[in-house]
Amino acid sequence: MSGPSIERDHAQDLIFSPYISNCMDIDEIIAQLYMLPDASAAALKAKAREASFPRGHTLLRADRVERSIYFIRKGLVRAYSDADNGQVTFWFGREGDPVLSMKSYISNERSYENIELLEDCHFYEFAISELRSLYHQDVHLANWGRKLAENELIKAEERLISMQFKSAQERYDDLLREQPELLLRAQLGHIASYLGMSQVSLSRIRSGRRY
């Protein structure tokens, strides 16, 4: 049986997956990064604001100092940069993921990425200035903020290694293993760009798979 058929069957199963259908609440999002004492977690949650935007909205813009970071309560986003031959997608964010410009968050400098909403999205928003104040006041929250930055650094390193040293087939296999729901939720053109190939090449890889 051909690969795409099996992938579609698997993707249809994901429609009923709790990971896709359920929102991530603020307690889950905070705890998945770093376990905090109750008082520290309460201080952090007190700074969270809920925000919602429609599909197609640009949440973060390149060449701008961003003043907030977001965590996805519900929805899917992509990060992209403009290139001579079009937009290059280099990241997808889904429920529970942070959405931020690391340059703005760490250095208060202009960002290089755009973040586009691929679905109607609901977020928890934090002002970076308020987070920095909390980090100075509470060592537990400082460790939480450090863990956030470390996780984003590891993701960037893994992404770089994947693009430099893995074949297109290996990158596609990684996607199927780690983020199979993207085949349901994102356009194939965006997925192809994320994998560093043309949409034609992605279609060939998918049609050529045998299980």
N, C-alpha and C. Protein backbone atom coordinates (compact mmCIF):
# COMPACT_ATOMS: atom_id res chain seq x y z
N MET A 1 0.86 -1.20 0.00
CA MET A 1 0.00 0.00 0.00
C MET A 1 0.89 1.24 0.00
N SER A 2 0.49 2.24 -0.72
CA SER A 2 1.33 3.42 -0.86
C SER A 2 1.33 4.24 0.41
N GLY A 3 2.43 5.00 0.57
CA GLY A 3 2.62 5.83 1.75
C GLY A 3 1.53 6.85 1.98
N PRO A 4 1.17 7.68 1.00
CA PRO A 4 0.19 8.73 1.24
C PRO A 4 -1.12 8.21 1.80
N SER A 5 -1.57 7.00 1.32
CA SER A 5 -2.82 6.46 1.84
C SER A 5 -2.71 6.18 3.32
N ILE A 6 -1.62 5.55 3.72
CA ILE A 6 -1.42 5.26 5.14
C ILE A 6 -1.29 6.54 5.92
N GLU A 7 -0.58 7.54 5.36
CA GLU A 7 -0.43 8.81 6.05
C GLU A 7 -1.78 9.47 6.25
N ARG A 8 -2.65 9.43 5.22
CA ARG A 8 -3.97 10.03 5.35
C ARG A 8 -4.79 9.32 6.41
N ASP A 9 -4.71 7.95 6.42
CA ASP A 9 -5.45 7.20 7.43
C ASP A 9 -4.95 7.58 8.82
N HIS A 10 -3.63 7.68 8.97
CA HIS A 10 -3.06 8.06 10.26
C HIS A 10 -3.47 9.47 10.62
N ALA A 11 -3.46 10.36 9.62
CA ALA A 11 -3.84 11.74 9.89
C ALA A 11 -5.30 11.82 10.31
N GLN A 12 -6.17 11.02 9.71
CA GLN A 12 -7.57 11.05 10.10
C GLN A 12 -7.73 10.62 11.56
N ASP A 13 -6.94 9.66 12.00
CA ASP A 13 -6.98 9.25 13.41
C ASP A 13 -6.64 10.41 14.32
N LEU A 14 -5.77 11.32 13.84
CA LEU A 14 -5.33 12.43 14.67
C LEU A 14 -6.43 13.45 14.90
N ILE A 15 -7.48 13.44 14.08
CA ILE A 15 -8.58 14.37 14.28
C ILE A 15 -9.16 14.21 15.68
N PHE A 16 -9.14 12.96 16.17
CA PHE A 16 -9.73 12.69 17.46
C PHE A 16 -8.69 12.67 18.58
N SER A 17 -7.48 13.07 18.25
CA SER A 17 -6.42 13.08 19.26
C SER A 17 -6.65 14.18 20.28
N PRO A 18 -6.51 13.90 21.58
CA PRO A 18 -6.65 14.95 22.59
C PRO A 18 -5.64 16.07 22.39
N TYR A 19 -4.49 15.73 21.84
CA TYR A 19 -3.47 16.76 21.65
C TYR A 19 -3.96 17.86 20.73
N ILE A 20 -4.73 17.49 19.72
CA ILE A 20 -5.23 18.49 18.77
C ILE A 20 -6.52 19.13 19.29
N SER A 21 -7.40 18.34 19.86
CA SER A 21 -8.72 18.86 20.18
C SER A 21 -8.75 19.64 21.49
N ASN A 22 -7.80 19.42 22.39
CA ASN A 22 -7.83 20.07 23.69
C ASN A 22 -6.94 21.31 23.72
N CYS A 23 -7.38 22.30 24.45
CA CYS A 23 -6.54 23.46 24.73
C CYS A 23 -5.50 23.10 25.78
N MET A 24 -4.43 23.87 25.84
CA MET A 24 -3.45 23.75 26.91
C MET A 24 -3.73 24.87 27.90
N ASP A 25 -3.99 24.53 29.16
CA ASP A 25 -4.25 25.59 30.13
C ASP A 25 -2.94 26.14 30.68
N ILE A 26 -3.03 27.25 31.38
CA ILE A 26 -1.84 27.97 31.81
C ILE A 26 -1.01 27.15 32.79
N ASP A 27 -1.66 26.35 33.63
CA ASP A 27 -0.90 25.53 34.58
C ASP A 27 -0.06 24.48 33.86
N GLU A 28 -0.63 23.85 32.83
CA GLU A 28 0.12 22.86 32.05
C GLU A 28 1.31 23.50 31.34
N ILE A 29 1.08 24.67 30.77
CA ILE A 29 2.13 25.35 30.02
C ILE A 29 3.29 25.74 30.93
N ILE A 30 2.97 26.28 32.10
CA ILE A 30 4.02 26.68 33.03
C ILE A 30 4.79 25.46 33.52
N ALA A 31 4.07 24.40 33.89
CA ALA A 31 4.72 23.23 34.48
C ALA A 31 5.58 22.46 33.48
N GLN A 32 5.22 22.49 32.19
CA GLN A 32 6.01 21.72 31.23
C GLN A 32 7.41 22.29 31.05
N LEU A 33 7.60 23.56 31.38
CA LEU A 33 8.92 24.17 31.28
C LEU A 33 9.76 23.90 32.52
N TYR A 34 9.16 24.14 33.69
CA TYR A 34 9.94 24.08 34.94
C TYR A 34 8.93 24.10 36.09
N MET A 35 9.05 23.15 37.00
CA MET A 35 8.13 23.08 38.12
C MET A 35 8.43 24.20 39.11
N LEU A 36 7.39 24.96 39.43
CA LEU A 36 7.53 26.12 40.32
C LEU A 36 6.81 25.89 41.63
N PRO A 37 7.29 26.49 42.72
CA PRO A 37 6.50 26.52 43.95
C PRO A 37 5.18 27.23 43.68
N ASP A 38 4.18 26.91 44.50
CA ASP A 38 2.85 27.46 44.27
C ASP A 38 2.85 28.99 44.23
N ALA A 39 3.58 29.62 45.13
CA ALA A 39 3.59 31.08 45.19
C ALA A 39 4.21 31.68 43.93
N SER A 40 5.27 31.06 43.43
CA SER A 40 5.92 31.55 42.21
C SER A 40 5.01 31.37 41.00
N ALA A 41 4.36 30.21 40.92
CA ALA A 41 3.45 29.96 39.81
C ALA A 41 2.28 30.95 39.84
N ALA A 42 1.79 31.25 41.02
CA ALA A 42 0.69 32.20 41.14
C ALA A 42 1.11 33.59 40.69
N ALA A 43 2.34 34.00 41.05
CA ALA A 43 2.84 35.31 40.64
C ALA A 43 2.98 35.39 39.12
N LEU A 44 3.41 34.29 38.51
CA LEU A 44 3.55 34.27 37.06
C LEU A 44 2.18 34.29 36.37
N LYS A 45 1.26 33.49 36.86
CA LYS A 45 -0.08 33.44 36.25
C LYS A 45 -0.80 34.78 36.35
N ALA A 46 -0.49 35.52 37.41
CA ALA A 46 -1.13 36.83 37.58
C ALA A 46 -0.76 37.80 36.47
N LYS A 47 0.35 37.55 35.79
CA LYS A 47 0.79 38.43 34.70
C LYS A 47 0.29 38.00 33.34
N ALA A 48 -0.37 36.86 33.27
CA ALA A 48 -0.85 36.34 31.98
C ALA A 48 -2.14 37.03 31.56
N ARG A 49 -2.20 37.35 30.28
CA ARG A 49 -3.42 37.89 29.69
C ARG A 49 -3.83 36.99 28.53
N GLU A 50 -5.11 36.74 28.40
CA GLU A 50 -5.58 35.93 27.28
C GLU A 50 -5.80 36.81 26.05
N ALA A 51 -5.41 36.29 24.90
CA ALA A 51 -5.56 37.03 23.64
C ALA A 51 -5.96 36.05 22.54
N SER A 52 -6.79 36.49 21.64
CA SER A 52 -7.24 35.67 20.52
C SER A 52 -7.14 36.46 19.23
N PHE A 53 -6.72 35.78 18.16
CA PHE A 53 -6.59 36.41 16.85
C PHE A 53 -7.03 35.41 15.78
N PRO A 54 -7.51 35.91 14.64
CA PRO A 54 -8.00 35.01 13.59
C PRO A 54 -6.88 34.46 12.72
N ARG A 55 -7.19 33.40 12.03
CA ARG A 55 -6.29 32.83 11.03
C ARG A 55 -5.84 33.90 10.06
N GLY A 56 -4.55 33.91 9.73
CA GLY A 56 -4.00 34.89 8.80
C GLY A 56 -3.40 36.10 9.48
N HIS A 57 -3.68 36.28 10.77
CA HIS A 57 -3.12 37.41 11.50
C HIS A 57 -1.61 37.24 11.67
N THR A 58 -0.87 38.34 11.57
CA THR A 58 0.57 38.33 11.83
C THR A 58 0.80 38.75 13.28
N LEU A 59 1.24 37.81 14.09
CA LEU A 59 1.39 38.06 15.53
C LEU A 59 2.68 38.81 15.83
N LEU A 60 3.78 38.40 15.24
CA LEU A 60 5.07 39.07 15.38
C LEU A 60 5.56 39.47 14.00
N ARG A 61 6.25 40.59 13.94
CA ARG A 61 6.74 41.09 12.66
C ARG A 61 8.25 41.29 12.70
N ALA A 62 8.88 40.97 11.58
CA ALA A 62 10.32 41.17 11.46
C ALA A 62 10.67 42.64 11.55
N ASP A 63 11.88 42.92 12.02
CA ASP A 63 12.44 44.27 12.10
C ASP A 63 11.66 45.14 13.09
N ARG A 64 11.16 44.51 14.14
CA ARG A 64 10.43 45.24 15.17
C ARG A 64 10.81 44.65 16.52
N VAL A 65 11.00 45.50 17.53
CA VAL A 65 11.26 45.01 18.89
C VAL A 65 9.93 44.58 19.49
N GLU A 66 9.83 43.31 19.79
CA GLU A 66 8.59 42.78 20.34
C GLU A 66 8.56 42.97 21.85
N ARG A 67 7.42 43.36 22.35
CA ARG A 67 7.27 43.66 23.78
C ARG A 67 6.60 42.54 24.55
N SER A 68 6.11 41.51 23.86
CA SER A 68 5.39 40.42 24.52
C SER A 68 5.88 39.08 24.00
N ILE A 69 5.69 38.07 24.82
CA ILE A 69 5.82 36.69 24.37
C ILE A 69 4.47 36.01 24.59
N TYR A 70 4.24 34.94 23.85
CA TYR A 70 2.95 34.26 23.89
C TYR A 70 3.17 32.76 24.07
N PHE A 71 2.17 32.13 24.67
CA PHE A 71 2.12 30.67 24.70
C PHE A 71 0.79 30.27 24.07
N ILE A 72 0.85 29.25 23.20
CA ILE A 72 -0.34 28.87 22.45
C ILE A 72 -1.26 28.02 23.31
N ARG A 73 -2.40 28.56 23.61
CA ARG A 73 -3.45 27.80 24.30
C ARG A 73 -4.16 26.88 23.32
N LYS A 74 -4.43 27.39 22.12
CA LYS A 74 -5.10 26.61 21.08
C LYS A 74 -4.72 27.18 19.73
N GLY A 75 -4.31 26.32 18.79
CA GLY A 75 -4.05 26.79 17.44
C GLY A 75 -2.69 26.40 16.90
N LEU A 76 -2.41 26.87 15.69
CA LEU A 76 -1.17 26.54 14.97
C LEU A 76 -0.63 27.81 14.33
N VAL A 77 0.68 28.02 14.43
CA VAL A 77 1.33 29.18 13.83
C VAL A 77 2.58 28.71 13.08
N ARG A 78 3.09 29.59 12.23
CA ARG A 78 4.37 29.32 11.58
C ARG A 78 5.24 30.56 11.68
N ALA A 79 6.55 30.33 11.72
CA ALA A 79 7.52 31.40 11.64
C ALA A 79 8.15 31.36 10.25
N TYR A 80 8.31 32.54 9.64
CA TYR A 80 8.91 32.59 8.32
C TYR A 80 9.72 33.87 8.17
N SER A 81 10.64 33.82 7.22
CA SER A 81 11.40 35.00 6.81
C SER A 81 11.23 35.17 5.31
N ASP A 82 11.33 36.40 4.87
CA ASP A 82 11.24 36.69 3.44
C ASP A 82 12.60 36.49 2.78
N ALA A 83 12.59 35.81 1.65
CA ALA A 83 13.81 35.58 0.87
C ALA A 83 13.57 36.03 -0.57
N ASP A 84 14.62 36.02 -1.36
CA ASP A 84 14.50 36.48 -2.75
C ASP A 84 13.50 35.65 -3.55
N ASN A 85 13.41 34.37 -3.22
CA ASN A 85 12.51 33.48 -3.96
C ASN A 85 11.20 33.22 -3.21
N GLY A 86 10.88 34.04 -2.22
CA GLY A 86 9.62 33.88 -1.50
C GLY A 86 9.83 33.71 -0.01
N GLN A 87 8.80 33.28 0.67
CA GLN A 87 8.85 33.09 2.11
C GLN A 87 9.45 31.73 2.46
N VAL A 88 10.27 31.71 3.50
CA VAL A 88 10.88 30.47 3.98
C VAL A 88 10.33 30.18 5.37
N THR A 89 9.58 29.11 5.48
CA THR A 89 9.04 28.69 6.77
C THR A 89 10.10 27.89 7.51
N PHE A 90 10.39 28.25 8.76
CA PHE A 90 11.42 27.51 9.49
C PHE A 90 10.96 27.00 10.85
N TRP A 91 9.69 27.20 11.18
CA TRP A 91 9.21 26.69 12.47
C TRP A 91 7.69 26.67 12.46
N PHE A 92 7.13 25.65 13.13
CA PHE A 92 5.70 25.59 13.41
C PHE A 92 5.52 25.55 14.93
N GLY A 93 4.52 26.27 15.40
CA GLY A 93 4.18 26.24 16.81
C GLY A 93 2.76 25.74 17.00
N ARG A 94 2.56 24.91 18.00
CA ARG A 94 1.25 24.34 18.28
C ARG A 94 0.95 24.46 19.77
N GLU A 95 -0.12 23.83 20.22
CA GLU A 95 -0.57 23.99 21.59
C GLU A 95 0.55 23.75 22.60
N GLY A 96 0.72 24.72 23.50
CA GLY A 96 1.73 24.64 24.54
C GLY A 96 3.05 25.30 24.20
N ASP A 97 3.28 25.59 22.93
CA ASP A 97 4.56 26.16 22.51
C ASP A 97 4.64 27.65 22.80
N PRO A 98 5.85 28.12 23.16
CA PRO A 98 6.05 29.57 23.26
C PRO A 98 6.21 30.18 21.88
N VAL A 99 5.76 31.41 21.74
CA VAL A 99 5.93 32.18 20.50
C VAL A 99 6.60 33.48 20.89
N LEU A 100 7.84 33.66 20.42
CA LEU A 100 8.60 34.83 20.84
C LEU A 100 9.72 35.10 19.85
N SER A 101 10.19 36.33 19.88
CA SER A 101 11.43 36.69 19.22
C SER A 101 12.53 36.60 20.26
N MET A 102 13.47 35.70 20.06
CA MET A 102 14.55 35.56 21.04
C MET A 102 15.41 36.82 21.11
N LYS A 103 15.57 37.51 19.98
CA LYS A 103 16.37 38.74 19.99
C LYS A 103 15.71 39.82 20.83
N SER A 104 14.39 39.90 20.76
CA SER A 104 13.68 40.88 21.58
C SER A 104 13.65 40.44 23.04
N TYR A 105 13.41 39.16 23.27
CA TYR A 105 13.31 38.63 24.63
C TYR A 105 14.63 38.71 25.38
N ILE A 106 15.72 38.37 24.71
CA ILE A 106 17.03 38.34 25.38
C ILE A 106 17.73 39.69 25.32
N SER A 107 17.73 40.31 24.15
CA SER A 107 18.58 41.48 23.93
C SER A 107 17.82 42.78 23.69
N ASN A 108 16.50 42.72 23.69
CA ASN A 108 15.70 43.90 23.40
C ASN A 108 16.04 44.50 22.04
N GLU A 109 16.29 43.60 21.07
CA GLU A 109 16.64 44.01 19.72
C GLU A 109 15.53 43.61 18.74
N ARG A 110 15.59 44.17 17.55
CA ARG A 110 14.57 43.89 16.54
C ARG A 110 14.60 42.42 16.13
N SER A 111 13.42 41.88 15.92
CA SER A 111 13.30 40.48 15.55
C SER A 111 13.61 40.29 14.07
N TYR A 112 13.84 39.05 13.68
CA TYR A 112 14.10 38.75 12.27
C TYR A 112 12.99 37.90 11.66
N GLU A 113 12.05 37.41 12.48
CA GLU A 113 11.03 36.51 11.97
C GLU A 113 9.65 37.15 11.97
N ASN A 114 8.80 36.61 11.11
CA ASN A 114 7.37 36.90 11.14
C ASN A 114 6.66 35.66 11.67
N ILE A 115 5.60 35.87 12.46
CA ILE A 115 4.79 34.76 12.95
C ILE A 115 3.38 34.93 12.41
N GLU A 116 2.95 33.97 11.60
CA GLU A 116 1.62 34.00 11.00
C GLU A 116 0.74 32.92 11.61
N LEU A 117 -0.51 33.25 11.88
CA LEU A 117 -1.45 32.28 12.41
C LEU A 117 -2.04 31.45 11.28
N LEU A 118 -1.91 30.13 11.39
CA LEU A 118 -2.46 29.22 10.39
C LEU A 118 -3.85 28.73 10.75
N GLU A 119 -4.27 28.99 11.97
CA GLU A 119 -5.61 28.69 12.45
C GLU A 119 -6.04 29.85 13.35
N ASP A 120 -7.33 29.93 13.64
CA ASP A 120 -7.75 30.83 14.71
C ASP A 120 -7.04 30.40 15.98
N CYS A 121 -6.44 31.34 16.68
CA CYS A 121 -5.58 30.99 17.81
C CYS A 121 -5.96 31.72 19.09
N HIS A 122 -5.71 31.04 20.19
CA HIS A 122 -5.90 31.60 21.52
C HIS A 122 -4.58 31.49 22.27
N PHE A 123 -4.17 32.58 22.90
CA PHE A 123 -2.85 32.65 23.53
C PHE A 123 -2.95 33.11 24.98
N TYR A 124 -1.88 32.81 25.72
CA TYR A 124 -1.57 33.50 26.96
C TYR A 124 -0.42 34.45 26.64
N GLU A 125 -0.61 35.72 26.92
CA GLU A 125 0.38 36.74 26.59
C GLU A 125 1.04 37.26 27.87
N PHE A 126 2.36 37.43 27.80
CA PHE A 126 3.13 38.01 28.90
C PHE A 126 3.94 39.19 28.37
N ALA A 127 3.92 40.31 29.08
CA ALA A 127 4.80 41.42 28.74
C ALA A 127 6.22 41.07 29.16
N ILE A 128 7.17 41.25 28.25
CA ILE A 128 8.56 40.90 28.55
C ILE A 128 9.08 41.71 29.73
N SER A 129 8.71 42.98 29.81
CA SER A 129 9.17 43.82 30.92
C SER A 129 8.70 43.28 32.26
N GLU A 130 7.47 42.77 32.31
CA GLU A 130 6.95 42.22 33.56
C GLU A 130 7.64 40.91 33.91
N LEU A 131 7.96 40.11 32.90
CA LEU A 131 8.70 38.88 33.17
C LEU A 131 10.09 39.19 33.73
N ARG A 132 10.76 40.15 33.14
CA ARG A 132 12.09 40.51 33.64
C ARG A 132 12.04 40.96 35.10
N SER A 133 11.00 41.70 35.44
CA SER A 133 10.84 42.14 36.83
C SER A 133 10.65 40.94 37.75
N LEU A 134 9.84 39.98 37.33
CA LEU A 134 9.64 38.78 38.14
C LEU A 134 10.93 37.99 38.29
N TYR A 135 11.72 37.90 37.22
CA TYR A 135 12.98 37.16 37.29
C TYR A 135 13.92 37.75 38.34
N HIS A 136 13.91 39.07 38.48
CA HIS A 136 14.77 39.74 39.47
C HIS A 136 14.26 39.52 40.89
N GLN A 137 12.98 39.29 41.03
CA GLN A 137 12.38 39.18 42.36
C GLN A 137 12.39 37.75 42.91
N ASP A 138 12.39 36.76 42.02
CA ASP A 138 12.14 35.38 42.45
C ASP A 138 13.10 34.46 41.71
N VAL A 139 13.97 33.77 42.45
CA VAL A 139 14.96 32.90 41.82
C VAL A 139 14.30 31.74 41.09
N HIS A 140 13.16 31.27 41.59
CA HIS A 140 12.45 30.17 40.92
C HIS A 140 11.95 30.62 39.55
N LEU A 141 11.43 31.83 39.49
CA LEU A 141 10.98 32.35 38.20
C LEU A 141 12.15 32.66 37.29
N ALA A 142 13.27 33.09 37.86
CA ALA A 142 14.48 33.29 37.05
C ALA A 142 14.91 31.98 36.41
N ASN A 143 14.81 30.89 37.15
CA ASN A 143 15.16 29.57 36.60
C ASN A 143 14.15 29.15 35.53
N TRP A 144 12.88 29.49 35.74
CA TRP A 144 11.87 29.21 34.73
C TRP A 144 12.18 29.95 33.43
N GLY A 145 12.55 31.23 33.55
CA GLY A 145 12.91 32.01 32.37
C GLY A 145 14.16 31.49 31.70
N ARG A 146 15.13 31.04 32.50
CA ARG A 146 16.36 30.45 31.93
C ARG A 146 16.02 29.18 31.17
N LYS A 147 15.13 28.36 31.74
CA LYS A 147 14.76 27.12 31.08
C LYS A 147 14.05 27.40 29.75
N LEU A 148 13.23 28.43 29.71
CA LEU A 148 12.57 28.82 28.47
C LEU A 148 13.60 29.14 27.39
N ALA A 149 14.60 29.95 27.74
CA ALA A 149 15.64 30.33 26.78
C ALA A 149 16.46 29.12 26.36
N GLU A 150 16.78 28.23 27.30
CA GLU A 150 17.57 27.04 26.97
C GLU A 150 16.82 26.14 26.00
N ASN A 151 15.55 25.95 26.24
CA ASN A 151 14.76 25.10 25.35
C ASN A 151 14.71 25.65 23.93
N GLU A 152 14.58 26.97 23.81
CA GLU A 152 14.54 27.58 22.48
C GLU A 152 15.90 27.46 21.79
N LEU A 153 16.98 27.54 22.55
CA LEU A 153 18.32 27.36 21.99
C LEU A 153 18.51 25.94 21.47
N ILE A 154 18.05 24.96 22.23
CA ILE A 154 18.16 23.57 21.80
C ILE A 154 17.36 23.33 20.52
N LYS A 155 16.16 23.89 20.45
CA LYS A 155 15.35 23.75 19.23
C LYS A 155 16.09 24.33 18.02
N ALA A 156 16.70 25.50 18.19
CA ALA A 156 17.42 26.13 17.08
C ALA A 156 18.61 25.27 16.66
N GLU A 157 19.31 24.70 17.64
CA GLU A 157 20.46 23.85 17.32
C GLU A 157 20.01 22.59 16.59
N GLU A 158 18.96 21.97 17.06
CA GLU A 158 18.46 20.76 16.40
C GLU A 158 18.01 21.06 14.98
N ARG A 159 17.39 22.20 14.80
CA ARG A 159 16.94 22.60 13.47
C ARG A 159 18.13 22.80 12.53
N LEU A 160 19.17 23.46 13.02
CA LEU A 160 20.37 23.69 12.22
C LEU A 160 21.03 22.38 11.83
N ILE A 161 21.16 21.47 12.78
CA ILE A 161 21.79 20.18 12.50
C ILE A 161 20.97 19.39 11.49
N SER A 162 19.66 19.43 11.64
CA SER A 162 18.79 18.71 10.71
C SER A 162 18.97 19.22 9.28
N MET A 163 18.98 20.54 9.11
CA MET A 163 19.09 21.10 7.77
C MET A 163 20.46 20.89 7.17
N GLN A 164 21.49 20.83 8.00
CA GLN A 164 22.85 20.70 7.50
C GLN A 164 23.26 19.26 7.21
N PHE A 165 22.77 18.32 8.01
CA PHE A 165 23.33 16.98 7.96
C PHE A 165 22.34 15.86 7.63
N LYS A 166 21.05 16.16 7.58
CA LYS A 166 20.09 15.11 7.27
C LYS A 166 19.58 15.27 5.85
N SER A 167 19.24 14.13 5.25
CA SER A 167 18.67 14.15 3.90
C SER A 167 17.21 14.61 3.96
N ALA A 168 16.66 14.93 2.80
CA ALA A 168 15.26 15.33 2.72
C ALA A 168 14.36 14.21 3.23
N GLN A 169 14.69 12.98 2.88
CA GLN A 169 13.90 11.84 3.35
C GLN A 169 13.95 11.74 4.87
N GLU A 170 15.13 11.91 5.45
CA GLU A 170 15.27 11.83 6.91
C GLU A 170 14.49 12.94 7.60
N ARG A 171 14.52 14.14 7.03
CA ARG A 171 13.76 15.24 7.62
C ARG A 171 12.26 14.96 7.57
N TYR A 172 11.81 14.38 6.46
CA TYR A 172 10.40 14.03 6.34
C TYR A 172 10.02 12.94 7.35
N ASP A 173 10.89 11.95 7.50
CA ASP A 173 10.63 10.89 8.48
C ASP A 173 10.54 11.45 9.89
N ASP A 174 11.41 12.41 10.20
CA ASP A 174 11.36 13.06 11.52
C ASP A 174 10.02 13.76 11.72
N LEU A 175 9.54 14.42 10.67
CA LEU A 175 8.25 15.11 10.76
C LEU A 175 7.13 14.13 11.05
N LEU A 176 7.12 13.00 10.33
CA LEU A 176 6.08 12.00 10.54
C LEU A 176 6.12 11.44 11.96
N ARG A 177 7.31 11.31 12.51
CA ARG A 177 7.45 10.74 13.85
C ARG A 177 7.11 11.77 14.94
N GLU A 178 7.51 13.02 14.73
CA GLU A 178 7.41 14.01 15.80
C GLU A 178 6.21 14.96 15.67
N GLN A 179 5.79 15.26 14.44
CA GLN A 179 4.70 16.23 14.24
C GLN A 179 3.75 15.77 13.13
N PRO A 180 3.24 14.55 13.19
CA PRO A 180 2.43 14.04 12.07
C PRO A 180 1.17 14.85 11.82
N GLU A 181 0.64 15.52 12.85
CA GLU A 181 -0.60 16.28 12.66
C GLU A 181 -0.43 17.47 11.74
N LEU A 182 0.82 17.88 11.47
CA LEU A 182 1.03 18.98 10.54
C LEU A 182 0.49 18.66 9.14
N LEU A 183 0.48 17.36 8.79
CA LEU A 183 -0.05 16.97 7.49
C LEU A 183 -1.53 17.29 7.37
N LEU A 184 -2.23 17.37 8.50
CA LEU A 184 -3.63 17.76 8.50
C LEU A 184 -3.81 19.26 8.63
N ARG A 185 -2.93 19.90 9.37
CA ARG A 185 -3.20 21.26 9.83
C ARG A 185 -2.50 22.34 9.02
N ALA A 186 -1.45 22.01 8.29
CA ALA A 186 -0.67 23.01 7.57
C ALA A 186 -0.69 22.73 6.07
N GLN A 187 -0.52 23.79 5.28
CA GLN A 187 -0.44 23.64 3.83
C GLN A 187 0.84 22.90 3.45
N LEU A 188 0.76 22.07 2.42
CA LEU A 188 1.93 21.32 1.99
C LEU A 188 3.07 22.24 1.54
N GLY A 189 2.71 23.40 0.98
CA GLY A 189 3.75 24.34 0.57
C GLY A 189 4.56 24.83 1.76
N HIS A 190 3.90 25.09 2.87
CA HIS A 190 4.59 25.52 4.09
C HIS A 190 5.44 24.38 4.66
N ILE A 191 4.89 23.15 4.61
CA ILE A 191 5.64 22.01 5.11
C ILE A 191 6.88 21.77 4.26
N ALA A 192 6.73 21.87 2.95
CA ALA A 192 7.88 21.68 2.05
C ALA A 192 8.96 22.70 2.34
N SER A 193 8.58 23.95 2.51
CA SER A 193 9.55 24.99 2.83
C SER A 193 10.25 24.69 4.15
N TYR A 194 9.49 24.27 5.14
CA TYR A 194 10.04 23.91 6.45
C TYR A 194 11.06 22.78 6.34
N LEU A 195 10.80 21.83 5.43
CA LEU A 195 11.70 20.70 5.25
C LEU A 195 12.86 21.01 4.31
N GLY A 196 12.87 22.20 3.74
CA GLY A 196 13.98 22.60 2.88
C GLY A 196 13.92 21.98 1.49
N MET A 197 12.71 21.83 0.96
CA MET A 197 12.57 21.23 -0.37
C MET A 197 11.41 21.90 -1.08
N SER A 198 11.29 21.61 -2.39
CA SER A 198 10.15 22.12 -3.14
C SER A 198 8.92 21.28 -2.83
N GLN A 199 7.76 21.82 -3.16
CA GLN A 199 6.53 21.05 -2.95
C GLN A 199 6.51 19.83 -3.87
N VAL A 200 7.09 19.96 -5.04
CA VAL A 200 7.18 18.81 -5.96
C VAL A 200 8.01 17.70 -5.34
N SER A 201 9.15 18.07 -4.73
CA SER A 201 10.00 17.07 -4.09
C SER A 201 9.29 16.41 -2.92
N LEU A 202 8.55 17.19 -2.16
CA LEU A 202 7.80 16.61 -1.04
C LEU A 202 6.76 15.63 -1.55
N SER A 203 6.07 15.97 -2.62
CA SER A 203 5.07 15.07 -3.18
C SER A 203 5.71 13.77 -3.66
N ARG A 204 6.90 13.88 -4.24
CA ARG A 204 7.60 12.67 -4.71
C ARG A 204 7.99 11.79 -3.55
N ILE A 205 8.48 12.39 -2.48
CA ILE A 205 8.86 11.60 -1.30
C ILE A 205 7.64 10.90 -0.72
N ARG A 206 6.53 11.62 -0.63
CA ARG A 206 5.32 11.02 -0.07
C ARG A 206 4.79 9.90 -0.95
N SER A 207 4.79 10.09 -2.25
CA SER A 207 4.25 9.07 -3.15
C SER A 207 5.19 7.88 -3.24
N GLY A 208 6.45 8.08 -2.95
CA GLY A 208 7.43 6.99 -3.09
C GLY A 208 7.60 6.15 -1.85
N ARG A 209 6.96 6.51 -0.73
CA ARG A 209 7.13 5.74 0.49
C ARG A 209 6.40 4.41 0.39
N ARG A 210 7.02 3.37 0.95
CA ARG A 210 6.40 2.07 1.06
C ARG A 210 6.56 1.59 2.49
N TYR A 211 5.53 0.97 3.04
CA TYR A 211 5.57 0.49 4.42
C TYR A 211 5.45 -1.02 4.43
